[in-house]
Amino acid sequence: MIKSNLDDLSKRLSAAVPSGFSAIGADLDKTFHAILQGAFEKMNLVSREEFEAQKAVLARTRKKLEELEAKVSELEQRTS
């Protein structure tokens, strides 16, 4: 997904270059692609799949925390 968006963005940038530079269009496309890829790598982005996996882990952890909080509260009430 990210690669296709990156390819699309680099092609759009190449298309925005004035027509007098069309002879170097392929080189510009490769250059734009490399620059964009480097910039995105520095941003430490994650894939949608990794994001969704972490979201699921967080949801399970939150549920378990709520269960444990309820159990602790119940035990505290018993001992009071």
PDB file of N, CA and C in Angstrom:
ATOM      1  N   MET A   1       0.831  -1.201   0.000  1.00  0.00           N
ATOM      2  CA  MET A   1       0.000   0.000   0.000  1.00  0.00           C
ATOM      3  C   MET A   1       0.869   1.255   0.000  1.00  0.00           C
ATOM      4  N   ILE A   2       1.844   1.307   0.912  1.00  0.00           N
ATOM      5  CA  ILE A   2       2.700   2.484   0.993  1.00  0.00           C
ATOM      6  C   ILE A   2       3.504   2.634  -0.288  1.00  0.00           C
ATOM      7  N   LYS A   3       3.991   1.499  -0.844  1.00  0.00           N
ATOM      8  CA  LYS A   3       4.787   1.560  -2.065  1.00  0.00           C
ATOM      9  C   LYS A   3       3.974   2.123  -3.218  1.00  0.00           C
ATOM     10  N   SER A   4       2.729   1.694  -3.357  1.00  0.00           N
ATOM     11  CA  SER A   4       1.911   2.202  -4.458  1.00  0.00           C
ATOM     12  C   SER A   4       1.629   3.690  -4.285  1.00  0.00           C
ATOM     13  N   ASN A   5       1.410   4.128  -3.055  1.00  0.00           N
ATOM     14  CA  ASN A   5       1.210   5.555  -2.804  1.00  0.00           C
ATOM     15  C   ASN A   5       2.482   6.342  -3.094  1.00  0.00           C
ATOM     16  N   LEU A   6       3.612   5.770  -2.747  1.00  0.00           N
ATOM     17  CA  LEU A   6       4.895   6.411  -3.009  1.00  0.00           C
ATOM     18  C   LEU A   6       5.140   6.522  -4.508  1.00  0.00           C
ATOM     19  N   ASP A   7       4.849   5.453  -5.242  1.00  0.00           N
ATOM     20  CA  ASP A   7       4.994   5.479  -6.701  1.00  0.00           C
ATOM     21  C   ASP A   7       4.080   6.536  -7.314  1.00  0.00           C
ATOM     22  N   ASP A   8       2.843   6.579  -6.843  1.00  0.00           N
ATOM     23  CA  ASP A   8       1.871   7.551  -7.357  1.00  0.00           C
ATOM     24  C   ASP A   8       2.339   8.979  -7.092  1.00  0.00           C
ATOM     25  N   LEU A   9       2.825   9.236  -5.889  1.00  0.00           N
ATOM     26  CA  LEU A   9       3.276  10.582  -5.542  1.00  0.00           C
ATOM     27  C   LEU A   9       4.489  10.995  -6.372  1.00  0.00           C
ATOM     28  N   SER A  10       5.428  10.089  -6.575  1.00  0.00           N
ATOM     29  CA  SER A  10       6.606  10.438  -7.375  1.00  0.00           C
ATOM     30  C   SER A  10       6.226  10.688  -8.835  1.00  0.00           C
ATOM     31  N   LYS A  11       5.252   9.944  -9.355  1.00  0.00           N
ATOM     32  CA  LYS A  11       4.782  10.183 -10.729  1.00  0.00           C
ATOM     33  C   LYS A  11       4.075  11.534 -10.835  1.00  0.00           C
ATOM     34  N   ARG A  12       3.319  11.887  -9.808  1.00  0.00           N
ATOM     35  CA  ARG A  12       2.649  13.193  -9.807  1.00  0.00           C
ATOM     36  C   ARG A  12       3.664  14.332  -9.780  1.00  0.00           C
ATOM     37  N   LEU A  13       4.698  14.170  -8.989  1.00  0.00           N
ATOM     38  CA  LEU A  13       5.742  15.198  -8.950  1.00  0.00           C
ATOM     39  C   LEU A  13       6.433  15.315 -10.302  1.00  0.00           C
ATOM     40  N   SER A  14       6.711  14.182 -10.924  1.00  0.00           N
ATOM     41  CA  SER A  14       7.345  14.199 -12.245  1.00  0.00           C
ATOM     42  C   SER A  14       6.441  14.862 -13.272  1.00  0.00           C
ATOM     43  N   ALA A  15       5.145  14.614 -13.178  1.00  0.00           N
ATOM     44  CA  ALA A  15       4.195  15.207 -14.122  1.00  0.00           C
ATOM     45  C   ALA A  15       4.085  16.713 -13.933  1.00  0.00           C
ATOM     46  N   ALA A  16       4.390  17.200 -12.749  1.00  0.00           N
ATOM     47  CA  ALA A  16       4.291  18.632 -12.469  1.00  0.00           C
ATOM     48  C   ALA A  16       5.495  19.420 -12.994  1.00  0.00           C
ATOM     49  N   VAL A  17       6.523  18.704 -13.414  1.00  0.00           N
ATOM     50  CA  VAL A  17       7.723  19.363 -13.944  1.00  0.00           C
ATOM     51  C   VAL A  17       7.393  19.948 -15.319  1.00  0.00           C
ATOM     52  N   PRO A  18       7.866  21.146 -15.624  1.00  0.00           N
ATOM     53  CA  PRO A  18       7.587  21.768 -16.931  1.00  0.00           C
ATOM     54  C   PRO A  18       7.972  20.855 -18.097  1.00  0.00           C
ATOM     55  N   SER A  19       7.240  20.980 -19.191  1.00  0.00           N
ATOM     56  CA  SER A  19       7.412  20.088 -20.339  1.00  0.00           C
ATOM     57  C   SER A  19       8.805  20.151 -20.951  1.00  0.00           C
ATOM     58  N   GLY A  20       9.526  21.226 -20.783  1.00  0.00           N
ATOM     59  CA  GLY A  20      10.879  21.335 -21.319  1.00  0.00           C
ATOM     60  C   GLY A  20      11.840  20.337 -20.709  1.00  0.00           C
ATOM     61  N   PHE A  21      11.475  19.793 -19.564  1.00  0.00           N
ATOM     62  CA  PHE A  21      12.334  18.825 -18.882  1.00  0.00           C
ATOM     63  C   PHE A  21      11.868  17.390 -19.095  1.00  0.00           C
ATOM     64  N   SER A  22      10.986  17.172 -20.067  1.00  0.00           N
ATOM     65  CA  SER A  22      10.417  15.841 -20.276  1.00  0.00           C
ATOM     66  C   SER A  22      11.472  14.801 -20.652  1.00  0.00           C
ATOM     67  N   ALA A  23      12.591  15.238 -21.222  1.00  0.00           N
ATOM     68  CA  ALA A  23      13.645  14.300 -21.606  1.00  0.00           C
ATOM     69  C   ALA A  23      14.255  13.618 -20.379  1.00  0.00           C
ATOM     70  N   ILE A  24      14.212  14.282 -19.259  1.00  0.00           N
ATOM     71  CA  ILE A  24      14.781  13.686 -18.050  1.00  0.00           C
ATOM     72  C   ILE A  24      13.680  13.195 -17.098  1.00  0.00           C
ATOM     73  N   GLY A  25      12.490  13.000 -17.639  1.00  0.00           N
ATOM     74  CA  GLY A  25      11.335  12.596 -16.825  1.00  0.00           C
ATOM     75  C   GLY A  25      11.549  11.321 -16.043  1.00  0.00           C
ATOM     76  N   ALA A  26      12.103  10.286 -16.682  1.00  0.00           N
ATOM     77  CA  ALA A  26      12.317   9.009 -15.996  1.00  0.00           C
ATOM     78  C   ALA A  26      13.323   9.169 -14.866  1.00  0.00           C
ATOM     79  N   ASP A  27      14.369   9.954 -15.120  1.00  0.00           N
ATOM     80  CA  ASP A  27      15.360  10.198 -14.070  1.00  0.00           C
ATOM     81  C   ASP A  27      14.746  10.973 -12.913  1.00  0.00           C
ATOM     82  N   LEU A  28      13.907  11.943 -13.235  1.00  0.00           N
ATOM     83  CA  LEU A  28      13.242  12.709 -12.179  1.00  0.00           C
ATOM     84  C   LEU A  28      12.326  11.815 -11.358  1.00  0.00           C
ATOM     85  N   ASP A  29      11.615  10.935 -12.033  1.00  0.00           N
ATOM     86  CA  ASP A  29      10.714  10.022 -11.330  1.00  0.00           C
ATOM     87  C   ASP A  29      11.502   9.162 -10.343  1.00  0.00           C
ATOM     88  N   LYS A  30      12.624   8.614 -10.779  1.00  0.00           N
ATOM     89  CA  LYS A  30      13.464   7.794  -9.899  1.00  0.00           C
ATOM     90  C   LYS A  30      14.025   8.623  -8.750  1.00  0.00           C
ATOM     91  N   THR A  31      14.440   9.851  -9.061  1.00  0.00           N
ATOM     92  CA  THR A  31      14.993  10.730  -8.031  1.00  0.00           C
ATOM     93  C   THR A  31      13.931  11.094  -7.001  1.00  0.00           C
ATOM     94  N   PHE A  32      12.751  11.495  -7.480  1.00  0.00           N
ATOM     95  CA  PHE A  32      11.658  11.814  -6.557  1.00  0.00           C
ATOM     96  C   PHE A  32      11.318  10.604  -5.686  1.00  0.00           C
ATOM     97  N   HIS A  33      11.269   9.435  -6.312  1.00  0.00           N
ATOM     98  CA  HIS A  33      10.939   8.214  -5.586  1.00  0.00           C
ATOM     99  C   HIS A  33      11.965   7.961  -4.478  1.00  0.00           C
ATOM    100  N   ALA A  34      13.246   8.085  -4.803  1.00  0.00           N
ATOM    101  CA  ALA A  34      14.300   7.853  -3.814  1.00  0.00           C
ATOM    102  C   ALA A  34      14.233   8.870  -2.675  1.00  0.00           C
ATOM    103  N   ILE A  35      13.997  10.126  -3.009  1.00  0.00           N
ATOM    104  CA  ILE A  35      13.909  11.174  -1.983  1.00  0.00           C
ATOM    105  C   ILE A  35      12.718  10.920  -1.062  1.00  0.00           C
ATOM    106  N   LEU A  36      11.574  10.619  -1.653  1.00  0.00           N
ATOM    107  CA  LEU A  36      10.375  10.366  -0.847  1.00  0.00           C
ATOM    108  C   LEU A  36      10.534   9.122   0.022  1.00  0.00           C
ATOM    109  N   GLN A  37      11.111   8.078  -0.547  1.00  0.00           N
ATOM    110  CA  GLN A  37      11.300   6.850   0.213  1.00  0.00           C
ATOM    111  C   GLN A  37      12.221   7.101   1.403  1.00  0.00           C
ATOM    112  N   GLY A  38      13.299   7.847   1.187  1.00  0.00           N
ATOM    113  CA  GLY A  38      14.206   8.177   2.281  1.00  0.00           C
ATOM    114  C   GLY A  38      13.522   8.989   3.364  1.00  0.00           C
ATOM    115  N   ALA A  39      12.709   9.938   2.952  1.00  0.00           N
ATOM    116  CA  ALA A  39      11.994  10.774   3.926  1.00  0.00           C
ATOM    117  C   ALA A  39      11.005   9.946   4.739  1.00  0.00           C
ATOM    118  N   PHE A  40      10.270   9.052   4.070  1.00  0.00           N
ATOM    119  CA  PHE A  40       9.301   8.229   4.790  1.00  0.00           C
ATOM    120  C   PHE A  40       9.987   7.243   5.733  1.00  0.00           C
ATOM    121  N   GLU A  41      11.148   6.714   5.339  1.00  0.00           N
ATOM    122  CA  GLU A  41      11.873   5.797   6.212  1.00  0.00           C
ATOM    123  C   GLU A  41      12.328   6.506   7.483  1.00  0.00           C
ATOM    124  N   LYS A  42      12.707   7.768   7.376  1.00  0.00           N
ATOM    125  CA  LYS A  42      13.141   8.531   8.549  1.00  0.00           C
ATOM    126  C   LYS A  42      11.988   8.818   9.501  1.00  0.00           C
ATOM    127  N   MET A  43      10.762   8.765   9.004  1.00  0.00           N
ATOM    128  CA  MET A  43       9.589   9.050   9.832  1.00  0.00           C
ATOM    129  C   MET A  43       9.188   7.871  10.709  1.00  0.00           C
ATOM    130  N   ASN A  44       9.826   6.728  10.541  1.00  0.00           N
ATOM    131  CA  ASN A  44       9.496   5.531  11.315  1.00  0.00           C
ATOM    132  C   ASN A  44       8.017   5.165  11.210  1.00  0.00           C
ATOM    133  N   LEU A  45       7.487   5.180  10.004  1.00  0.00           N
ATOM    134  CA  LEU A  45       6.094   4.815   9.775  1.00  0.00           C
ATOM    135  C   LEU A  45       5.924   3.304   9.876  1.00  0.00           C
ATOM    136  N   VAL A  46       4.733   2.882  10.231  1.00  0.00           N
ATOM    137  CA  VAL A  46       4.436   1.451  10.281  1.00  0.00           C
ATOM    138  C   VAL A  46       3.361   1.138   9.248  1.00  0.00           C
ATOM    139  N   SER A  47       3.306  -0.111   8.863  1.00  0.00           N
ATOM    140  CA  SER A  47       2.291  -0.527   7.891  1.00  0.00           C
ATOM    141  C   SER A  47       0.925  -0.588   8.569  1.00  0.00           C
ATOM    142  N   ARG A  48      -0.118  -0.600   7.775  1.00  0.00           N
ATOM    143  CA  ARG A  48      -1.482  -0.703   8.304  1.00  0.00           C
ATOM    144  C   ARG A  48      -1.642  -2.013   9.075  1.00  0.00           C
ATOM    145  N   GLU A  49      -1.046  -3.104   8.556  1.00  0.00           N
ATOM    146  CA  GLU A  49      -1.156  -4.402   9.213  1.00  0.00           C
ATOM    147  C   GLU A  49      -0.527  -4.361  10.598  1.00  0.00           C
ATOM    148  N   GLU A  50       0.663  -3.763  10.698  1.00  0.00           N
ATOM    149  CA  GLU A  50       1.328  -3.666  11.990  1.00  0.00           C
ATOM    150  C   GLU A  50       0.528  -2.781  12.948  1.00  0.00           C
ATOM    151  N   PHE A  51      -0.031  -1.693  12.432  1.00  0.00           N
ATOM    152  CA  PHE A  51      -0.854  -0.810  13.254  1.00  0.00           C
ATOM    153  C   PHE A  51      -2.062  -1.555  13.804  1.00  0.00           C
ATOM    154  N   GLU A  52      -2.747  -2.307  12.934  1.00  0.00           N
ATOM    155  CA  GLU A  52      -3.934  -3.048  13.359  1.00  0.00           C
ATOM    156  C   GLU A  52      -3.575  -4.124  14.380  1.00  0.00           C
ATOM    157  N   ALA A  53      -2.426  -4.783  14.193  1.00  0.00           N
ATOM    158  CA  ALA A  53      -1.997  -5.802  15.153  1.00  0.00           C
ATOM    159  C   ALA A  53      -1.744  -5.170  16.520  1.00  0.00           C
ATOM    160  N   GLN A  54      -1.064  -4.037  16.547  1.00  0.00           N
ATOM    161  CA  GLN A  54      -0.787  -3.354  17.812  1.00  0.00           C
ATOM    162  C   GLN A  54      -2.069  -2.830  18.457  1.00  0.00           C
ATOM    163  N   LYS A  55      -3.003  -2.405  17.631  1.00  0.00           N
ATOM    164  CA  LYS A  55      -4.297  -1.934  18.134  1.00  0.00           C
ATOM    165  C   LYS A  55      -5.038  -3.072  18.837  1.00  0.00           C
ATOM    166  N   ALA A  56      -4.982  -4.267  18.250  1.00  0.00           N
ATOM    167  CA  ALA A  56      -5.630  -5.434  18.849  1.00  0.00           C
ATOM    168  C   ALA A  56      -4.954  -5.813  20.167  1.00  0.00           C
ATOM    169  N   VAL A  57      -3.626  -5.761  20.200  1.00  0.00           N
ATOM    170  CA  VAL A  57      -2.893  -6.053  21.436  1.00  0.00           C
ATOM    171  C   VAL A  57      -3.284  -5.061  22.522  1.00  0.00           C
ATOM    172  N   LEU A  58      -3.361  -3.798  22.171  1.00  0.00           N
ATOM    173  CA  LEU A  58      -3.747  -2.766  23.134  1.00  0.00           C
ATOM    174  C   LEU A  58      -5.161  -3.000  23.660  1.00  0.00           C
ATOM    175  N   ALA A  59      -6.077  -3.375  22.795  1.00  0.00           N
ATOM    176  CA  ALA A  59      -7.458  -3.630  23.221  1.00  0.00           C
ATOM    177  C   ALA A  59      -7.514  -4.801  24.206  1.00  0.00           C
ATOM    178  N   ARG A  60      -6.766  -5.879  23.906  1.00  0.00           N
ATOM    179  CA  ARG A  60      -6.738  -7.027  24.824  1.00  0.00           C
ATOM    180  C   ARG A  60      -6.110  -6.641  26.157  1.00  0.00           C
ATOM    181  N   THR A  61      -5.050  -5.856  26.104  1.00  0.00           N
ATOM    182  CA  THR A  61      -4.370  -5.420  27.322  1.00  0.00           C
ATOM    183  C   THR A  61      -5.284  -4.534  28.161  1.00  0.00           C
ATOM    184  N   ARG A  62      -5.981  -3.645  27.512  1.00  0.00           N
ATOM    185  CA  ARG A  62      -6.913  -2.763  28.224  1.00  0.00           C
ATOM    186  C   ARG A  62      -8.015  -3.578  28.907  1.00  0.00           C
ATOM    187  N   LYS A  63      -8.547  -4.574  28.195  1.00  0.00           N
ATOM    188  CA  LYS A  63      -9.601  -5.423  28.765  1.00  0.00           C
ATOM    189  C   LYS A  63      -9.077  -6.178  29.980  1.00  0.00           C
ATOM    190  N   LYS A  64      -7.878  -6.731  29.860  1.00  0.00           N
ATOM    191  CA  LYS A  64      -7.279  -7.474  30.974  1.00  0.00           C
ATOM    192  C   LYS A  64      -7.036  -6.546  32.162  1.00  0.00           C
ATOM    193  N   LEU A  65      -6.572  -5.337  31.915  1.00  0.00           N
ATOM    194  CA  LEU A  65      -6.346  -4.364  32.983  1.00  0.00           C
ATOM    195  C   LEU A  65      -7.650  -4.051  33.710  1.00  0.00           C
ATOM    196  N   GLU A  66      -8.713  -3.842  32.960  1.00  0.00           N
ATOM    197  CA  GLU A  66     -10.012  -3.557  33.573  1.00  0.00           C
ATOM    198  C   GLU A  66     -10.481  -4.729  34.430  1.00  0.00           C
ATOM    199  N   GLU A  67     -10.256  -5.954  33.944  1.00  0.00           N
ATOM    200  CA  GLU A  67     -10.630  -7.137  34.722  1.00  0.00           C
ATOM    201  C   GLU A  67      -9.826  -7.215  36.015  1.00  0.00           C
ATOM    202  N   LEU A  68      -8.530  -6.957  35.922  1.00  0.00           N
ATOM    203  CA  LEU A  68      -7.674  -7.002  37.107  1.00  0.00           C
ATOM    204  C   LEU A  68      -8.022  -5.894  38.095  1.00  0.00           C
ATOM    205  N   GLU A  69      -8.346  -4.710  37.590  1.00  0.00           N
ATOM    206  CA  GLU A  69      -8.752  -3.617  38.477  1.00  0.00           C
ATOM    207  C   GLU A  69     -10.027  -3.987  39.234  1.00  0.00           C
ATOM    208  N   ALA A  70     -10.962  -4.608  38.545  1.00  0.00           N
ATOM    209  CA  ALA A  70     -12.204  -5.032  39.192  1.00  0.00           C
ATOM    210  C   ALA A  70     -11.922  -6.086  40.255  1.00  0.00           C
ATOM    211  N   LYS A  71     -11.024  -7.018  39.945  1.00  0.00           N
ATOM    212  CA  LYS A  71     -10.679  -8.073  40.897  1.00  0.00           C
ATOM    213  C   LYS A  71      -9.993  -7.479  42.128  1.00  0.00           C
ATOM    214  N   VAL A  72      -9.073  -6.552  41.936  1.00  0.00           N
ATOM    215  CA  VAL A  72      -8.384  -5.899  43.055  1.00  0.00           C
ATOM    216  C   VAL A  72      -9.391  -5.145  43.917  1.00  0.00           C
ATOM    217  N   SER A  73     -10.295  -4.445  43.281  1.00  0.00           N
ATOM    218  CA  SER A  73     -11.319  -3.703  44.012  1.00  0.00           C
ATOM    219  C   SER A  73     -12.178  -4.651  44.846  1.00  0.00           C
ATOM    220  N   GLU A  74     -12.542  -5.777  44.265  1.00  0.00           N
ATOM    221  CA  GLU A  74     -13.344  -6.771  44.986  1.00  0.00           C
ATOM    222  C   GLU A  74     -12.574  -7.319  46.182  1.00  0.00           C
ATOM    223  N   LEU A  75     -11.302  -7.634  45.987  1.00  0.00           N
ATOM    224  CA  LEU A  75     -10.483  -8.152  47.087  1.00  0.00           C
ATOM    225  C   LEU A  75     -10.305  -7.110  48.185  1.00  0.00           C
ATOM    226  N   GLU A  76     -10.143  -5.851  47.804  1.00  0.00           N
ATOM    227  CA  GLU A  76     -10.006  -4.784  48.797  1.00  0.00           C
ATOM    228  C   GLU A  76     -11.278  -4.656  49.628  1.00  0.00           C
ATOM    229  N   GLN A  77     -12.425  -4.800  48.986  1.00  0.00           N
ATOM    230  CA  GLN A  77     -13.697  -4.701  49.707  1.00  0.00           C
ATOM    231  C   GLN A  77     -13.869  -5.875  50.674  1.00  0.00           C
ATOM    232  N   ARG A  78     -13.404  -7.042  50.292  1.00  0.00           N
ATOM    233  CA  ARG A  78     -13.507  -8.219  51.163  1.00  0.00           C
ATOM    234  C   ARG A  78     -12.648  -8.064  52.414  1.00  0.00           C
ATOM    235  N   THR A  79     -11.485  -7.454  52.252  1.00  0.00           N
ATOM    236  CA  THR A  79     -10.561  -7.337  53.383  1.00  0.00           C
ATOM    237  C   THR A  79     -10.852  -6.131  54.261  1.00  0.00           C
ATOM    238  N   SER A  80     -11.715  -5.249  53.840  1.00  0.00           N
ATOM    239  CA  SER A  80     -12.009  -4.047  54.627  1.00  0.00           C
ATOM    240  C   SER A  80     -13.048  -4.317  55.673  1.00  0.00           C
TER     241      SER A  80
END
